[in-house]
Amino acid sequence: MPTLPVPSSASMTGAERASLCVILRRRENSRRPPPPIAAAELVADAERQLSAMFSFDDDATWKEAYAAADVAVRDAKLLVAARCAELGIPQTVFAGAGSLLAQARREHL
């Protein structure tokens, strides 16, 4: 905000001081934290957004990434099965190994 040059001999009048006090009080009031109810609503909204559940196929990028990961898991299962067959390990030992799992919430994708 540009400032205006003020002569060094100028002093504020009582009305100017009162007006400045009103402006400063308004600024101070506008910086106060929200009332407790509004703050609680903001916290609740943030928690609701953070705990929202999303499916992998809600977004095209994640859907593509999931498809690529699914192919990689299937390929890995085939490699493990082939190696188990070479070593004489029964298929039932590693039959369920390897899956896509969201570790944070333990949800199978």
N, C-alpha and C. Protein backbone atom coordinates (compact mmCIF):
# COMPACT_ATOMS: atom_id res chain seq x y z
N MET A 1 0.85 -1.17 0.00
CA MET A 1 0.00 0.00 0.00
C MET A 1 0.90 1.23 0.00
N PRO A 2 0.71 2.15 -0.91
CA PRO A 2 1.57 3.33 -0.97
C PRO A 2 1.29 4.25 0.21
N THR A 3 2.33 4.89 0.67
CA THR A 3 2.17 5.85 1.76
C THR A 3 2.28 7.26 1.22
N LEU A 4 1.55 8.13 1.81
CA LEU A 4 1.57 9.53 1.39
C LEU A 4 2.61 10.29 2.21
N PRO A 5 3.29 11.20 1.60
CA PRO A 5 4.25 11.98 2.38
C PRO A 5 3.52 12.85 3.39
N VAL A 6 4.05 12.87 4.60
CA VAL A 6 3.44 13.66 5.67
C VAL A 6 4.46 14.68 6.13
N PRO A 7 4.06 15.93 6.21
CA PRO A 7 5.00 16.94 6.70
C PRO A 7 5.42 16.62 8.14
N SER A 8 6.66 16.87 8.47
CA SER A 8 7.17 16.52 9.79
C SER A 8 6.49 17.30 10.90
N SER A 9 5.90 18.43 10.59
CA SER A 9 5.24 19.23 11.61
C SER A 9 3.80 18.80 11.85
N ALA A 10 3.29 17.86 11.02
CA ALA A 10 1.89 17.46 11.15
C ALA A 10 1.72 16.52 12.34
N SER A 11 0.63 16.67 13.05
CA SER A 11 0.30 15.77 14.15
C SER A 11 -1.14 15.31 13.96
N MET A 12 -1.46 14.19 14.58
CA MET A 12 -2.81 13.63 14.43
C MET A 12 -3.78 14.37 15.34
N THR A 13 -4.96 14.51 14.80
CA THR A 13 -6.02 15.11 15.61
C THR A 13 -6.69 14.01 16.43
N GLY A 14 -7.49 14.38 17.37
CA GLY A 14 -8.21 13.40 18.19
C GLY A 14 -9.14 12.55 17.34
N ALA A 15 -9.78 13.15 16.37
CA ALA A 15 -10.70 12.41 15.48
C ALA A 15 -9.94 11.40 14.63
N GLU A 16 -8.75 11.79 14.18
CA GLU A 16 -7.94 10.85 13.38
C GLU A 16 -7.48 9.67 14.22
N ARG A 17 -7.09 9.95 15.48
CA ARG A 17 -6.69 8.86 16.37
C ARG A 17 -7.85 7.91 16.64
N ALA A 18 -9.03 8.45 16.86
CA ALA A 18 -10.22 7.63 17.12
C ALA A 18 -10.55 6.78 15.90
N SER A 19 -10.45 7.39 14.73
CA SER A 19 -10.72 6.65 13.49
C SER A 19 -9.71 5.53 13.30
N LEU A 20 -8.45 5.80 13.59
CA LEU A 20 -7.41 4.77 13.48
C LEU A 20 -7.65 3.64 14.47
N CYS A 21 -8.10 3.97 15.67
CA CYS A 21 -8.40 2.93 16.67
C CYS A 21 -9.53 2.02 16.20
N VAL A 22 -10.54 2.60 15.58
CA VAL A 22 -11.66 1.81 15.05
C VAL A 22 -11.16 0.84 13.98
N ILE A 23 -10.32 1.33 13.09
CA ILE A 23 -9.78 0.48 12.02
C ILE A 23 -8.96 -0.65 12.61
N LEU A 24 -8.11 -0.34 13.59
CA LEU A 24 -7.27 -1.37 14.21
C LEU A 24 -8.11 -2.42 14.94
N ARG A 25 -9.17 -1.99 15.63
CA ARG A 25 -10.04 -2.96 16.32
C ARG A 25 -10.74 -3.88 15.32
N ARG A 26 -11.17 -3.34 14.20
CA ARG A 26 -11.81 -4.17 13.17
C ARG A 26 -10.83 -5.21 12.63
N ARG A 27 -9.60 -4.79 12.40
CA ARG A 27 -8.58 -5.75 11.93
C ARG A 27 -8.35 -6.84 12.97
N GLU A 28 -8.27 -6.42 14.23
CA GLU A 28 -8.04 -7.40 15.30
C GLU A 28 -9.18 -8.39 15.38
N ASN A 29 -10.40 -7.91 15.29
CA ASN A 29 -11.57 -8.80 15.35
C ASN A 29 -11.62 -9.76 14.18
N SER A 30 -11.16 -9.34 13.02
CA SER A 30 -11.20 -10.22 11.86
C SER A 30 -10.16 -11.32 11.94
N ARG A 31 -9.16 -11.17 12.79
CA ARG A 31 -8.09 -12.18 12.91
C ARG A 31 -8.34 -13.18 14.03
N ARG A 32 -9.41 -13.04 14.74
CA ARG A 32 -9.68 -13.96 15.84
C ARG A 32 -10.00 -15.35 15.28
N PRO A 33 -9.70 -16.38 16.07
CA PRO A 33 -10.03 -17.74 15.60
C PRO A 33 -11.54 -17.92 15.50
N PRO A 34 -11.97 -18.88 14.69
CA PRO A 34 -13.41 -19.08 14.53
C PRO A 34 -14.04 -19.52 15.85
N PRO A 35 -15.32 -19.28 16.04
CA PRO A 35 -15.98 -19.72 17.26
C PRO A 35 -15.89 -21.24 17.40
N PRO A 36 -16.01 -21.77 18.61
CA PRO A 36 -15.84 -23.22 18.81
C PRO A 36 -16.72 -24.09 17.93
N ILE A 37 -17.94 -23.68 17.68
CA ILE A 37 -18.84 -24.50 16.84
C ILE A 37 -18.31 -24.56 15.42
N ALA A 38 -17.91 -23.42 14.88
CA ALA A 38 -17.38 -23.40 13.52
C ALA A 38 -16.09 -24.19 13.44
N ALA A 39 -15.24 -24.08 14.47
CA ALA A 39 -13.99 -24.84 14.48
C ALA A 39 -14.27 -26.34 14.51
N ALA A 40 -15.24 -26.74 15.32
CA ALA A 40 -15.60 -28.16 15.40
C ALA A 40 -16.12 -28.68 14.07
N GLU A 41 -16.90 -27.84 13.38
CA GLU A 41 -17.41 -28.24 12.07
C GLU A 41 -16.27 -28.39 11.06
N LEU A 42 -15.29 -27.49 11.13
CA LEU A 42 -14.13 -27.59 10.24
C LEU A 42 -13.35 -28.86 10.50
N VAL A 43 -13.14 -29.20 11.77
CA VAL A 43 -12.41 -30.42 12.14
C VAL A 43 -13.18 -31.64 11.66
N ALA A 44 -14.50 -31.64 11.89
CA ALA A 44 -15.31 -32.78 11.47
C ALA A 44 -15.27 -32.95 9.95
N ASP A 45 -15.32 -31.85 9.23
CA ASP A 45 -15.25 -31.93 7.76
C ASP A 45 -13.90 -32.47 7.31
N ALA A 46 -12.83 -32.00 7.94
CA ALA A 46 -11.49 -32.50 7.58
C ALA A 46 -11.38 -34.00 7.87
N GLU A 47 -11.88 -34.43 9.02
CA GLU A 47 -11.84 -35.87 9.36
C GLU A 47 -12.67 -36.68 8.37
N ARG A 48 -13.82 -36.15 7.97
CA ARG A 48 -14.67 -36.85 7.00
C ARG A 48 -13.95 -37.02 5.67
N GLN A 49 -13.26 -35.97 5.24
CA GLN A 49 -12.52 -36.04 3.98
C GLN A 49 -11.34 -37.01 4.08
N LEU A 50 -10.65 -36.99 5.23
CA LEU A 50 -9.49 -37.87 5.40
C LEU A 50 -9.88 -39.34 5.47
N SER A 51 -11.06 -39.61 6.02
CA SER A 51 -11.46 -41.01 6.17
C SER A 51 -12.29 -41.52 4.99
N ALA A 52 -12.45 -40.70 3.97
CA ALA A 52 -13.25 -41.11 2.81
C ALA A 52 -12.63 -42.34 2.16
N MET A 53 -13.48 -43.23 1.72
CA MET A 53 -13.05 -44.46 1.07
C MET A 53 -13.16 -44.27 -0.44
N PHE A 54 -12.12 -44.65 -1.14
CA PHE A 54 -12.11 -44.53 -2.58
C PHE A 54 -11.82 -45.90 -3.19
N SER A 55 -12.39 -46.14 -4.31
CA SER A 55 -12.13 -47.37 -5.03
C SER A 55 -11.00 -47.13 -6.01
N PHE A 56 -10.24 -48.18 -6.32
CA PHE A 56 -9.11 -48.02 -7.22
C PHE A 56 -9.53 -47.55 -8.60
N ASP A 57 -10.75 -47.84 -8.98
CA ASP A 57 -11.16 -47.48 -10.34
C ASP A 57 -11.94 -46.15 -10.40
N ASP A 58 -11.87 -45.35 -9.32
CA ASP A 58 -12.49 -44.02 -9.34
C ASP A 58 -11.75 -43.07 -10.28
N ASP A 59 -10.48 -43.33 -10.50
CA ASP A 59 -9.63 -42.44 -11.29
C ASP A 59 -8.96 -43.26 -12.39
N ALA A 60 -8.89 -42.72 -13.59
CA ALA A 60 -8.32 -43.45 -14.73
C ALA A 60 -6.85 -43.82 -14.49
N THR A 61 -6.09 -42.92 -13.87
CA THR A 61 -4.68 -43.20 -13.62
C THR A 61 -4.52 -44.38 -12.68
N TRP A 62 -5.29 -44.38 -11.58
CA TRP A 62 -5.19 -45.50 -10.63
C TRP A 62 -5.71 -46.79 -11.25
N LYS A 63 -6.74 -46.68 -12.08
CA LYS A 63 -7.28 -47.88 -12.73
C LYS A 63 -6.19 -48.50 -13.61
N GLU A 64 -5.47 -47.67 -14.34
CA GLU A 64 -4.38 -48.15 -15.20
C GLU A 64 -3.25 -48.75 -14.37
N ALA A 65 -2.90 -48.08 -13.28
CA ALA A 65 -1.84 -48.58 -12.40
C ALA A 65 -2.24 -49.92 -11.78
N TYR A 66 -3.49 -50.04 -11.37
CA TYR A 66 -3.96 -51.29 -10.79
C TYR A 66 -3.88 -52.42 -11.81
N ALA A 67 -4.29 -52.13 -13.03
CA ALA A 67 -4.26 -53.16 -14.08
C ALA A 67 -2.83 -53.64 -14.32
N ALA A 68 -1.88 -52.69 -14.35
CA ALA A 68 -0.47 -53.07 -14.55
C ALA A 68 0.04 -53.88 -13.37
N ALA A 69 -0.33 -53.49 -12.16
CA ALA A 69 0.11 -54.23 -10.97
C ALA A 69 -0.51 -55.63 -10.94
N ASP A 70 -1.75 -55.73 -11.37
CA ASP A 70 -2.43 -57.03 -11.39
C ASP A 70 -1.72 -57.99 -12.35
N VAL A 71 -1.29 -57.47 -13.50
CA VAL A 71 -0.55 -58.29 -14.46
C VAL A 71 0.77 -58.74 -13.84
N ALA A 72 1.45 -57.82 -13.16
CA ALA A 72 2.74 -58.16 -12.53
C ALA A 72 2.56 -59.22 -11.45
N VAL A 73 1.49 -59.14 -10.68
CA VAL A 73 1.23 -60.16 -9.64
C VAL A 73 0.97 -61.51 -10.29
N ARG A 74 0.18 -61.53 -11.36
CA ARG A 74 -0.08 -62.81 -12.04
C ARG A 74 1.20 -63.41 -12.60
N ASP A 75 2.06 -62.57 -13.20
CA ASP A 75 3.34 -63.06 -13.72
C ASP A 75 4.22 -63.61 -12.61
N ALA A 76 4.24 -62.90 -11.49
CA ALA A 76 5.05 -63.36 -10.35
C ALA A 76 4.54 -64.69 -9.82
N LYS A 77 3.23 -64.87 -9.76
CA LYS A 77 2.66 -66.14 -9.30
C LYS A 77 3.08 -67.28 -10.23
N LEU A 78 3.10 -67.01 -11.53
CA LEU A 78 3.52 -68.04 -12.48
C LEU A 78 4.98 -68.41 -12.28
N LEU A 79 5.83 -67.40 -12.04
CA LEU A 79 7.25 -67.66 -11.80
C LEU A 79 7.46 -68.47 -10.53
N VAL A 80 6.74 -68.12 -9.47
CA VAL A 80 6.85 -68.86 -8.21
C VAL A 80 6.37 -70.29 -8.40
N ALA A 81 5.26 -70.47 -9.11
CA ALA A 81 4.73 -71.82 -9.35
C ALA A 81 5.72 -72.65 -10.15
N ALA A 82 6.35 -72.04 -11.17
CA ALA A 82 7.32 -72.78 -11.98
C ALA A 82 8.53 -73.17 -11.14
N ARG A 83 9.03 -72.25 -10.31
CA ARG A 83 10.19 -72.56 -9.48
C ARG A 83 9.85 -73.61 -8.43
N CYS A 84 8.65 -73.54 -7.88
CA CYS A 84 8.22 -74.55 -6.91
C CYS A 84 8.16 -75.92 -7.57
N ALA A 85 7.68 -75.97 -8.81
CA ALA A 85 7.61 -77.25 -9.53
C ALA A 85 9.01 -77.80 -9.75
N GLU A 86 9.98 -76.91 -10.08
CA GLU A 86 11.37 -77.35 -10.28
C GLU A 86 11.96 -77.93 -9.00
N LEU A 87 11.61 -77.33 -7.86
CA LEU A 87 12.17 -77.75 -6.58
C LEU A 87 11.36 -78.85 -5.91
N GLY A 88 10.22 -79.21 -6.49
CA GLY A 88 9.38 -80.25 -5.93
C GLY A 88 8.52 -79.78 -4.77
N ILE A 89 8.30 -78.50 -4.67
CA ILE A 89 7.45 -77.95 -3.60
C ILE A 89 6.01 -78.02 -4.07
N PRO A 90 5.11 -78.57 -3.25
CA PRO A 90 3.70 -78.68 -3.65
C PRO A 90 3.09 -77.29 -3.92
N GLN A 91 2.19 -77.23 -4.90
CA GLN A 91 1.55 -75.97 -5.26
C GLN A 91 0.75 -75.39 -4.11
N THR A 92 0.23 -76.21 -3.25
CA THR A 92 -0.62 -75.71 -2.16
C THR A 92 0.15 -74.85 -1.17
N VAL A 93 1.47 -74.97 -1.12
CA VAL A 93 2.25 -74.19 -0.17
C VAL A 93 2.22 -72.69 -0.52
N PHE A 94 2.36 -72.36 -1.80
CA PHE A 94 2.39 -70.97 -2.23
C PHE A 94 1.20 -70.60 -3.11
N ALA A 95 0.14 -71.34 -3.06
CA ALA A 95 -0.99 -71.12 -3.96
C ALA A 95 -1.60 -69.73 -3.81
N GLY A 96 -1.69 -69.21 -2.60
CA GLY A 96 -2.34 -67.91 -2.41
C GLY A 96 -1.36 -66.77 -2.28
N ALA A 97 -0.07 -67.03 -2.42
CA ALA A 97 0.92 -65.97 -2.22
C ALA A 97 0.83 -64.93 -3.32
N GLY A 98 0.98 -63.69 -2.94
CA GLY A 98 0.99 -62.60 -3.92
C GLY A 98 -0.39 -62.09 -4.24
N SER A 99 -0.70 -60.93 -3.71
CA SER A 99 -1.98 -60.30 -4.02
C SER A 99 -1.82 -58.79 -3.81
N LEU A 100 -2.72 -58.04 -4.40
CA LEU A 100 -2.72 -56.61 -4.18
C LEU A 100 -3.52 -56.32 -2.92
N LEU A 101 -2.88 -55.59 -2.00
CA LEU A 101 -3.52 -55.34 -0.71
C LEU A 101 -3.19 -53.91 -0.27
N ALA A 102 -4.21 -53.17 0.11
CA ALA A 102 -3.99 -51.83 0.67
C ALA A 102 -3.60 -52.02 2.13
N GLN A 103 -2.33 -51.87 2.43
CA GLN A 103 -1.82 -52.18 3.76
C GLN A 103 -2.39 -51.31 4.85
N ALA A 104 -2.66 -50.05 4.59
CA ALA A 104 -3.10 -49.15 5.63
C ALA A 104 -4.42 -49.58 6.25
N ARG A 105 -5.33 -50.08 5.44
CA ARG A 105 -6.64 -50.45 5.97
C ARG A 105 -6.92 -51.95 5.81
N ARG A 106 -5.93 -52.66 5.34
CA ARG A 106 -6.06 -54.10 5.17
C ARG A 106 -7.25 -54.48 4.30
N GLU A 107 -7.40 -53.79 3.20
CA GLU A 107 -8.48 -54.08 2.28
C GLU A 107 -7.94 -54.71 1.02
N HIS A 108 -8.50 -55.83 0.65
CA HIS A 108 -8.10 -56.48 -0.59
C HIS A 108 -8.66 -55.70 -1.75
N LEU A 109 -7.83 -55.43 -2.72
CA LEU A 109 -8.28 -54.65 -3.88
C LEU A 109 -8.89 -55.52 -4.93
